[in-house]
Amino acid sequence: MYLPIKGIKPKVSKELRIQKLSPLIENGLIRFRRNQKLLIDQLIEFPKGAHDDLPDALEMAVSGLERAGETKSAVARRYIRRLF
């Protein structure tokens, strides 16, 4: 089986990209389940935490959907709750 995987080269720093999630989270457009403790912990500790892989992946998912033509609100409502 062949997966057409393409690399992504962000043009903005990781810090700025992850910080743009803040309004979506604060306004309840991105919600988390209780069992997503590692993701929640990494978001709380960002940017000083030891790890930020999960917030980075979340931001890339949101950005990918935005590039596909969705608005931030539509992305959050329709997809983000299902990602994790």
PDB file of N, CA and C in Angstrom:
ATOM      1  N   MET A   1       0.851  -1.172   0.000  1.00  0.00           N
ATOM      2  CA  MET A   1       0.000   0.000   0.000  1.00  0.00           C
ATOM      3  C   MET A   1       0.903   1.243   0.000  1.00  0.00           C
ATOM      4  N   TYR A   2       0.529   2.224  -0.750  1.00  0.00           N
ATOM      5  CA  TYR A   2       1.270   3.476  -0.873  1.00  0.00           C
ATOM      6  C   TYR A   2       0.434   4.609  -0.273  1.00  0.00           C
ATOM      7  N   LEU A   3       1.044   5.358   0.617  1.00  0.00           N
ATOM      8  CA  LEU A   3       0.390   6.531   1.190  1.00  0.00           C
ATOM      9  C   LEU A   3       1.055   7.779   0.631  1.00  0.00           C
ATOM     10  N   PRO A   4       0.294   8.642  -0.005  1.00  0.00           N
ATOM     11  CA  PRO A   4       0.874   9.861  -0.586  1.00  0.00           C
ATOM     12  C   PRO A   4       1.133  10.919   0.483  1.00  0.00           C
ATOM     13  N   ILE A   5       2.154  10.711   1.278  1.00  0.00           N
ATOM     14  CA  ILE A   5       2.472  11.620   2.382  1.00  0.00           C
ATOM     15  C   ILE A   5       3.367  12.743   1.872  1.00  0.00           C
ATOM     16  N   LYS A   6       2.997  13.954   2.231  1.00  0.00           N
ATOM     17  CA  LYS A   6       3.772  15.130   1.843  1.00  0.00           C
ATOM     18  C   LYS A   6       4.276  15.830   3.094  1.00  0.00           C
ATOM     19  N   GLY A   7       5.499  16.275   3.044  1.00  0.00           N
ATOM     20  CA  GLY A   7       6.061  17.028   4.154  1.00  0.00           C
ATOM     21  C   GLY A   7       5.451  18.412   4.248  1.00  0.00           C
ATOM     22  N   ILE A   8       5.452  18.950   5.447  1.00  0.00           N
ATOM     23  CA  ILE A   8       4.928  20.297   5.680  1.00  0.00           C
ATOM     24  C   ILE A   8       6.062  21.143   6.244  1.00  0.00           C
ATOM     25  N   LYS A   9       6.258  22.316   5.655  1.00  0.00           N
ATOM     26  CA  LYS A   9       7.269  23.251   6.144  1.00  0.00           C
ATOM     27  C   LYS A   9       6.563  24.532   6.567  1.00  0.00           C
ATOM     28  N   PRO A  10       6.252  24.649   7.863  1.00  0.00           N
ATOM     29  CA  PRO A  10       5.565  25.859   8.334  1.00  0.00           C
ATOM     30  C   PRO A  10       6.406  27.106   8.090  1.00  0.00           C
ATOM     31  N   LYS A  11       5.719  28.202   7.812  1.00  0.00           N
ATOM     32  CA  LYS A  11       6.390  29.473   7.536  1.00  0.00           C
ATOM     33  C   LYS A  11       6.444  30.382   8.761  1.00  0.00           C
ATOM     34  N   VAL A  12       5.737  29.976   9.814  1.00  0.00           N
ATOM     35  CA  VAL A  12       5.660  30.766  11.040  1.00  0.00           C
ATOM     36  C   VAL A  12       6.223  29.914  12.180  1.00  0.00           C
ATOM     37  N   SER A  13       6.751  30.550  13.195  1.00  0.00           N
ATOM     38  CA  SER A  13       7.335  29.807  14.317  1.00  0.00           C
ATOM     39  C   SER A  13       6.288  28.939  15.001  1.00  0.00           C
ATOM     40  N   LYS A  14       6.768  27.872  15.618  1.00  0.00           N
ATOM     41  CA  LYS A  14       5.889  26.950  16.332  1.00  0.00           C
ATOM     42  C   LYS A  14       5.116  27.685  17.427  1.00  0.00           C
ATOM     43  N   GLU A  15       5.780  28.575  18.122  1.00  0.00           N
ATOM     44  CA  GLU A  15       5.131  29.315  19.204  1.00  0.00           C
ATOM     45  C   GLU A  15       3.930  30.107  18.705  1.00  0.00           C
ATOM     46  N   LEU A  16       4.107  30.829  17.612  1.00  0.00           N
ATOM     47  CA  LEU A  16       2.998  31.620  17.059  1.00  0.00           C
ATOM     48  C   LEU A  16       1.883  30.725  16.545  1.00  0.00           C
ATOM     49  N   ARG A  17       2.252  29.632  15.916  1.00  0.00           N
ATOM     50  CA  ARG A  17       1.237  28.722  15.378  1.00  0.00           C
ATOM     51  C   ARG A  17       0.381  28.131  16.496  1.00  0.00           C
ATOM     52  N   ILE A  18       1.017  27.688  17.573  1.00  0.00           N
ATOM     53  CA  ILE A  18       0.265  27.080  18.670  1.00  0.00           C
ATOM     54  C   ILE A  18      -0.537  28.137  19.432  1.00  0.00           C
ATOM     55  N   GLN A  19       0.006  29.341  19.580  1.00  0.00           N
ATOM     56  CA  GLN A  19      -0.720  30.403  20.273  1.00  0.00           C
ATOM     57  C   GLN A  19      -2.008  30.775  19.554  1.00  0.00           C
ATOM     58  N   LYS A  20      -2.061  30.588  18.238  1.00  0.00           N
ATOM     59  CA  LYS A  20      -3.294  30.944  17.518  1.00  0.00           C
ATOM     60  C   LYS A  20      -4.451  30.008  17.849  1.00  0.00           C
ATOM     61  N   LEU A  21      -4.165  28.891  18.525  1.00  0.00           N
ATOM     62  CA  LEU A  21      -5.236  27.996  18.970  1.00  0.00           C
ATOM     63  C   LEU A  21      -5.975  28.557  20.185  1.00  0.00           C
ATOM     64  N   SER A  22      -5.334  29.444  20.914  1.00  0.00           N
ATOM     65  CA  SER A  22      -5.881  29.948  22.169  1.00  0.00           C
ATOM     66  C   SER A  22      -7.314  30.469  22.052  1.00  0.00           C
ATOM     67  N   PRO A  23      -7.639  31.333  21.095  1.00  0.00           N
ATOM     68  CA  PRO A  23      -9.028  31.809  21.014  1.00  0.00           C
ATOM     69  C   PRO A  23     -10.021  30.691  20.730  1.00  0.00           C
ATOM     70  N   LEU A  24      -9.614  29.711  19.934  1.00  0.00           N
ATOM     71  CA  LEU A  24     -10.514  28.592  19.634  1.00  0.00           C
ATOM     72  C   LEU A  24     -10.792  27.770  20.885  1.00  0.00           C
ATOM     73  N   ILE A  25      -9.776  27.575  21.694  1.00  0.00           N
ATOM     74  CA  ILE A  25      -9.931  26.812  22.931  1.00  0.00           C
ATOM     75  C   ILE A  25     -10.709  27.627  23.953  1.00  0.00           C
ATOM     76  N   GLU A  26     -10.339  28.888  24.127  1.00  0.00           N
ATOM     77  CA  GLU A  26     -10.987  29.746  25.126  1.00  0.00           C
ATOM     78  C   GLU A  26     -12.465  29.955  24.837  1.00  0.00           C
ATOM     79  N   ASN A  27     -12.843  29.972  23.571  1.00  0.00           N
ATOM     80  CA  ASN A  27     -14.243  30.176  23.198  1.00  0.00           C
ATOM     81  C   ASN A  27     -15.014  28.870  23.062  1.00  0.00           C
ATOM     82  N   GLY A  28     -14.389  27.768  23.432  1.00  0.00           N
ATOM     83  CA  GLY A  28     -15.081  26.482  23.429  1.00  0.00           C
ATOM     84  C   GLY A  28     -15.241  25.850  22.064  1.00  0.00           C
ATOM     85  N   LEU A  29     -14.543  26.365  21.068  1.00  0.00           N
ATOM     86  CA  LEU A  29     -14.651  25.784  19.734  1.00  0.00           C
ATOM     87  C   LEU A  29     -13.798  24.527  19.589  1.00  0.00           C
ATOM     88  N   ILE A  30     -12.786  24.412  20.413  1.00  0.00           N
ATOM     89  CA  ILE A  30     -12.018  23.176  20.523  1.00  0.00           C
ATOM     90  C   ILE A  30     -12.227  22.690  21.944  1.00  0.00           C
ATOM     91  N   ARG A  31     -12.732  21.481  22.064  1.00  0.00           N
ATOM     92  CA  ARG A  31     -12.982  20.893  23.384  1.00  0.00           C
ATOM     93  C   ARG A  31     -12.128  19.647  23.544  1.00  0.00           C
ATOM     94  N   PHE A  32     -11.871  19.321  24.774  1.00  0.00           N
ATOM     95  CA  PHE A  32     -11.040  18.166  25.067  1.00  0.00           C
ATOM     96  C   PHE A  32     -11.787  17.202  25.967  1.00  0.00           C
ATOM     97  N   ARG A  33     -11.475  15.939  25.805  1.00  0.00           N
ATOM     98  CA  ARG A  33     -12.013  14.916  26.697  1.00  0.00           C
ATOM     99  C   ARG A  33     -11.084  14.790  27.891  1.00  0.00           C
ATOM    100  N   ARG A  34     -11.629  14.294  28.989  1.00  0.00           N
ATOM    101  CA  ARG A  34     -10.822  14.150  30.208  1.00  0.00           C
ATOM    102  C   ARG A  34      -9.618  13.238  29.996  1.00  0.00           C
ATOM    103  N   ASN A  35      -9.762  12.243  29.133  1.00  0.00           N
ATOM    104  CA  ASN A  35      -8.668  11.289  28.934  1.00  0.00           C
ATOM    105  C   ASN A  35      -7.561  11.831  28.028  1.00  0.00           C
ATOM    106  N   GLN A  36      -7.662  13.071  27.610  1.00  0.00           N
ATOM    107  CA  GLN A  36      -6.629  13.698  26.790  1.00  0.00           C
ATOM    108  C   GLN A  36      -5.653  14.485  27.661  1.00  0.00           C
ATOM    109  N   LYS A  37      -5.334  13.908  28.796  1.00  0.00           N
ATOM    110  CA  LYS A  37      -4.508  14.580  29.796  1.00  0.00           C
ATOM    111  C   LYS A  37      -3.154  15.017  29.249  1.00  0.00           C
ATOM    112  N   LEU A  38      -2.502  14.182  28.461  1.00  0.00           N
ATOM    113  CA  LEU A  38      -1.182  14.532  27.943  1.00  0.00           C
ATOM    114  C   LEU A  38      -1.253  15.769  27.042  1.00  0.00           C
ATOM    115  N   LEU A  39      -2.243  15.823  26.158  1.00  0.00           N
ATOM    116  CA  LEU A  39      -2.421  16.987  25.293  1.00  0.00           C
ATOM    117  C   LEU A  39      -2.721  18.227  26.126  1.00  0.00           C
ATOM    118  N   ILE A  40      -3.627  18.100  27.069  1.00  0.00           N
ATOM    119  CA  ILE A  40      -3.995  19.244  27.911  1.00  0.00           C
ATOM    120  C   ILE A  40      -2.782  19.725  28.706  1.00  0.00           C
ATOM    121  N   ASP A  41      -2.032  18.792  29.282  1.00  0.00           N
ATOM    122  CA  ASP A  41      -0.836  19.167  30.043  1.00  0.00           C
ATOM    123  C   ASP A  41       0.181  19.892  29.163  1.00  0.00           C
ATOM    124  N   GLN A  42       0.384  19.399  27.948  1.00  0.00           N
ATOM    125  CA  GLN A  42       1.346  20.047  27.056  1.00  0.00           C
ATOM    126  C   GLN A  42       0.882  21.438  26.661  1.00  0.00           C
ATOM    127  N   LEU A  43      -0.419  21.621  26.481  1.00  0.00           N
ATOM    128  CA  LEU A  43      -0.934  22.959  26.163  1.00  0.00           C
ATOM    129  C   LEU A  43      -0.754  23.909  27.344  1.00  0.00           C
ATOM    130  N   ILE A  44      -1.020  23.429  28.549  1.00  0.00           N
ATOM    131  CA  ILE A  44      -0.877  24.264  29.743  1.00  0.00           C
ATOM    132  C   ILE A  44       0.579  24.660  29.952  1.00  0.00           C
ATOM    133  N   GLU A  45       1.484  23.720  29.729  1.00  0.00           N
ATOM    134  CA  GLU A  45       2.909  23.968  29.970  1.00  0.00           C
ATOM    135  C   GLU A  45       3.600  24.717  28.827  1.00  0.00           C
ATOM    136  N   PHE A  46       2.931  24.853  27.712  1.00  0.00           N
ATOM    137  CA  PHE A  46       3.533  25.495  26.544  1.00  0.00           C
ATOM    138  C   PHE A  46       3.761  26.975  26.824  1.00  0.00           C
ATOM    139  N   PRO A  47       4.867  27.560  26.440  1.00  0.00           N
ATOM    140  CA  PRO A  47       5.993  27.042  25.669  1.00  0.00           C
ATOM    141  C   PRO A  47       7.154  26.553  26.528  1.00  0.00           C
ATOM    142  N   LYS A  48       6.990  26.519  27.837  1.00  0.00           N
ATOM    143  CA  LYS A  48       8.112  26.172  28.708  1.00  0.00           C
ATOM    144  C   LYS A  48       8.193  24.687  29.036  1.00  0.00           C
ATOM    145  N   GLY A  49       7.233  23.898  28.592  1.00  0.00           N
ATOM    146  CA  GLY A  49       7.232  22.475  28.888  1.00  0.00           C
ATOM    147  C   GLY A  49       8.304  21.722  28.116  1.00  0.00           C
ATOM    148  N   ALA A  50       8.575  20.514  28.575  1.00  0.00           N
ATOM    149  CA  ALA A  50       9.606  19.688  27.938  1.00  0.00           C
ATOM    150  C   ALA A  50       9.158  19.176  26.567  1.00  0.00           C
ATOM    151  N   HIS A  51       7.843  19.056  26.359  1.00  0.00           N
ATOM    152  CA  HIS A  51       7.332  18.513  25.104  1.00  0.00           C
ATOM    153  C   HIS A  51       6.194  19.383  24.579  1.00  0.00           C
ATOM    154  N   ASP A  52       6.099  19.454  23.257  1.00  0.00           N
ATOM    155  CA  ASP A  52       5.000  20.202  22.629  1.00  0.00           C
ATOM    156  C   ASP A  52       4.529  19.521  21.347  1.00  0.00           C
ATOM    157  N   ASP A  53       4.783  18.227  21.236  1.00  0.00           N
ATOM    158  CA  ASP A  53       4.417  17.511  20.013  1.00  0.00           C
ATOM    159  C   ASP A  53       2.905  17.478  19.772  1.00  0.00           C
ATOM    160  N   LEU A  54       2.124  17.267  20.820  1.00  0.00           N
ATOM    161  CA  LEU A  54       0.675  17.182  20.641  1.00  0.00           C
ATOM    162  C   LEU A  54       0.048  18.538  20.292  1.00  0.00           C
ATOM    163  N   PRO A  55       0.409  19.632  20.983  1.00  0.00           N
ATOM    164  CA  PRO A  55      -0.121  20.928  20.537  1.00  0.00           C
ATOM    165  C   PRO A  55       0.310  21.264  19.108  1.00  0.00           C
ATOM    166  N   ASP A  56       1.520  20.897  18.743  1.00  0.00           N
ATOM    167  CA  ASP A  56       1.994  21.136  17.382  1.00  0.00           C
ATOM    168  C   ASP A  56       1.152  20.342  16.378  1.00  0.00           C
ATOM    169  N   ALA A  57       0.858  19.096  16.687  1.00  0.00           N
ATOM    170  CA  ALA A  57       0.029  18.272  15.799  1.00  0.00           C
ATOM    171  C   ALA A  57      -1.393  18.826  15.696  1.00  0.00           C
ATOM    172  N   LEU A  58      -1.938  19.290  16.820  1.00  0.00           N
ATOM    173  CA  LEU A  58      -3.270  19.886  16.809  1.00  0.00           C
ATOM    174  C   LEU A  58      -3.297  21.121  15.920  1.00  0.00           C
ATOM    175  N   GLU A  59      -2.285  21.964  16.057  1.00  0.00           N
ATOM    176  CA  GLU A  59      -2.229  23.177  15.231  1.00  0.00           C
ATOM    177  C   GLU A  59      -2.103  22.827  13.757  1.00  0.00           C
ATOM    178  N   MET A  60      -1.295  21.835  13.440  1.00  0.00           N
ATOM    179  CA  MET A  60      -1.139  21.436  12.038  1.00  0.00           C
ATOM    180  C   MET A  60      -2.443  20.885  11.465  1.00  0.00           C
ATOM    181  N   ALA A  61      -3.199  20.165  12.283  1.00  0.00           N
ATOM    182  CA  ALA A  61      -4.496  19.660  11.835  1.00  0.00           C
ATOM    183  C   ALA A  61      -5.453  20.810  11.547  1.00  0.00           C
ATOM    184  N   VAL A  62      -5.509  21.780  12.445  1.00  0.00           N
ATOM    185  CA  VAL A  62      -6.374  22.952  12.243  1.00  0.00           C
ATOM    186  C   VAL A  62      -5.936  23.716  10.993  1.00  0.00           C
ATOM    187  N   SER A  63      -4.648  23.952  10.864  1.00  0.00           N
ATOM    188  CA  SER A  63      -4.139  24.693   9.704  1.00  0.00           C
ATOM    189  C   SER A  63      -4.399  23.948   8.402  1.00  0.00           C
ATOM    190  N   GLY A  64      -4.235  22.641   8.430  1.00  0.00           N
ATOM    191  CA  GLY A  64      -4.494  21.851   7.228  1.00  0.00           C
ATOM    192  C   GLY A  64      -5.939  21.955   6.780  1.00  0.00           C
ATOM    193  N   LEU A  65      -6.843  21.935   7.729  1.00  0.00           N
ATOM    194  CA  LEU A  65      -8.257  22.073   7.395  1.00  0.00           C
ATOM    195  C   LEU A  65      -8.578  23.480   6.930  1.00  0.00           C
ATOM    196  N   GLU A  66      -7.912  24.472   7.509  1.00  0.00           N
ATOM    197  CA  GLU A  66      -8.101  25.852   7.045  1.00  0.00           C
ATOM    198  C   GLU A  66      -7.645  25.997   5.601  1.00  0.00           C
ATOM    199  N   ARG A  67      -6.509  25.397   5.290  1.00  0.00           N
ATOM    200  CA  ARG A  67      -6.011  25.466   3.910  1.00  0.00           C
ATOM    201  C   ARG A  67      -6.958  24.771   2.946  1.00  0.00           C
ATOM    202  N   ALA A  68      -7.713  23.822   3.444  1.00  0.00           N
ATOM    203  CA  ALA A  68      -8.672  23.107   2.609  1.00  0.00           C
ATOM    204  C   ALA A  68      -9.953  23.923   2.398  1.00  0.00           C
ATOM    205  N   GLY A  69      -9.986  25.137   2.945  1.00  0.00           N
ATOM    206  CA  GLY A  69     -11.114  26.025   2.684  1.00  0.00           C
ATOM    207  C   GLY A  69     -12.092  26.187   3.824  1.00  0.00           C
ATOM    208  N   GLU A  70     -11.826  25.596   4.949  1.00  0.00           N
ATOM    209  CA  GLU A  70     -12.722  25.740   6.087  1.00  0.00           C
ATOM    210  C   GLU A  70     -12.336  26.983   6.887  1.00  0.00           C
ATOM    211  N   THR A  71     -13.302  27.588   7.564  1.00  0.00           N
ATOM    212  CA  THR A  71     -12.982  28.677   8.490  1.00  0.00           C
ATOM    213  C   THR A  71     -12.569  28.066   9.819  1.00  0.00           C
ATOM    214  N   LYS A  72     -11.940  28.844  10.668  1.00  0.00           N
ATOM    215  CA  LYS A  72     -11.526  28.335  11.978  1.00  0.00           C
ATOM    216  C   LYS A  72     -12.722  27.805  12.765  1.00  0.00           C
ATOM    217  N   SER A  73     -13.815  28.517  12.750  1.00  0.00           N
ATOM    218  CA  SER A  73     -14.987  28.079  13.501  1.00  0.00           C
ATOM    219  C   SER A  73     -15.536  26.771  12.951  1.00  0.00           C
ATOM    220  N   ALA A  74     -15.629  26.678  11.641  1.00  0.00           N
ATOM    221  CA  ALA A  74     -16.146  25.450  11.035  1.00  0.00           C
ATOM    222  C   ALA A  74     -15.216  24.282  11.305  1.00  0.00           C
ATOM    223  N   VAL A  75     -13.931  24.534  11.244  1.00  0.00           N
ATOM    224  CA  VAL A  75     -12.955  23.481  11.545  1.00  0.00           C
ATOM    225  C   VAL A  75     -13.185  22.969  12.952  1.00  0.00           C
ATOM    226  N   ALA A  76     -13.270  23.875  13.882  1.00  0.00           N
ATOM    227  CA  ALA A  76     -13.423  23.466  15.276  1.00  0.00           C
ATOM    228  C   ALA A  76     -14.717  22.695  15.479  1.00  0.00           C
ATOM    229  N   ARG A  77     -15.805  23.204  14.970  1.00  0.00           N
ATOM    230  CA  ARG A  77     -17.098  22.550  15.179  1.00  0.00           C
ATOM    231  C   ARG A  77     -17.181  21.198  14.505  1.00  0.00           C
ATOM    232  N   ARG A  78     -16.676  21.078  13.300  1.00  0.00           N
ATOM    233  CA  ARG A  78     -16.897  19.861  12.521  1.00  0.00           C
ATOM    234  C   ARG A  78     -15.850  18.783  12.693  1.00  0.00           C
ATOM    235  N   TYR A  79     -14.616  19.154  13.022  1.00  0.00           N
ATOM    236  CA  TYR A  79     -13.552  18.156  12.964  1.00  0.00           C
ATOM    237  C   TYR A  79     -12.740  17.970  14.227  1.00  0.00           C
ATOM    238  N   ILE A  80     -12.381  19.010  14.896  1.00  0.00           N
ATOM    239  CA  ILE A  80     -11.393  18.917  15.973  1.00  0.00           C
ATOM    240  C   ILE A  80     -11.865  17.961  17.076  1.00  0.00           C
ATOM    241  N   ARG A  81     -13.119  17.973  17.402  1.00  0.00           N
ATOM    242  CA  ARG A  81     -13.608  17.085  18.466  1.00  0.00           C
ATOM    243  C   ARG A  81     -13.389  15.619  18.124  1.00  0.00           C
ATOM    244  N   ARG A  82     -13.309  15.316  16.856  1.00  0.00           N
ATOM    245  CA  ARG A  82     -13.134  13.919  16.435  1.00  0.00           C
ATOM    246  C   ARG A  82     -11.672  13.498  16.332  1.00  0.00           C
ATOM    247  N   LEU A  83     -10.757  14.442  16.357  1.00  0.00           N
ATOM    248  CA  LEU A  83      -9.353  14.102  16.132  1.00  0.00           C
ATOM    249  C   LEU A  83      -8.733  13.328  17.261  1.00  0.00           C
ATOM    250  N   PHE A  84      -9.168  13.585  18.482  1.00  0.00           N
ATOM    251  CA  PHE A  84      -8.479  12.973  19.626  1.00  0.00           C
ATOM    252  C   PHE A  84      -9.407  12.139  20.453  1.00  0.00           C
TER     253      PHE A  84
END
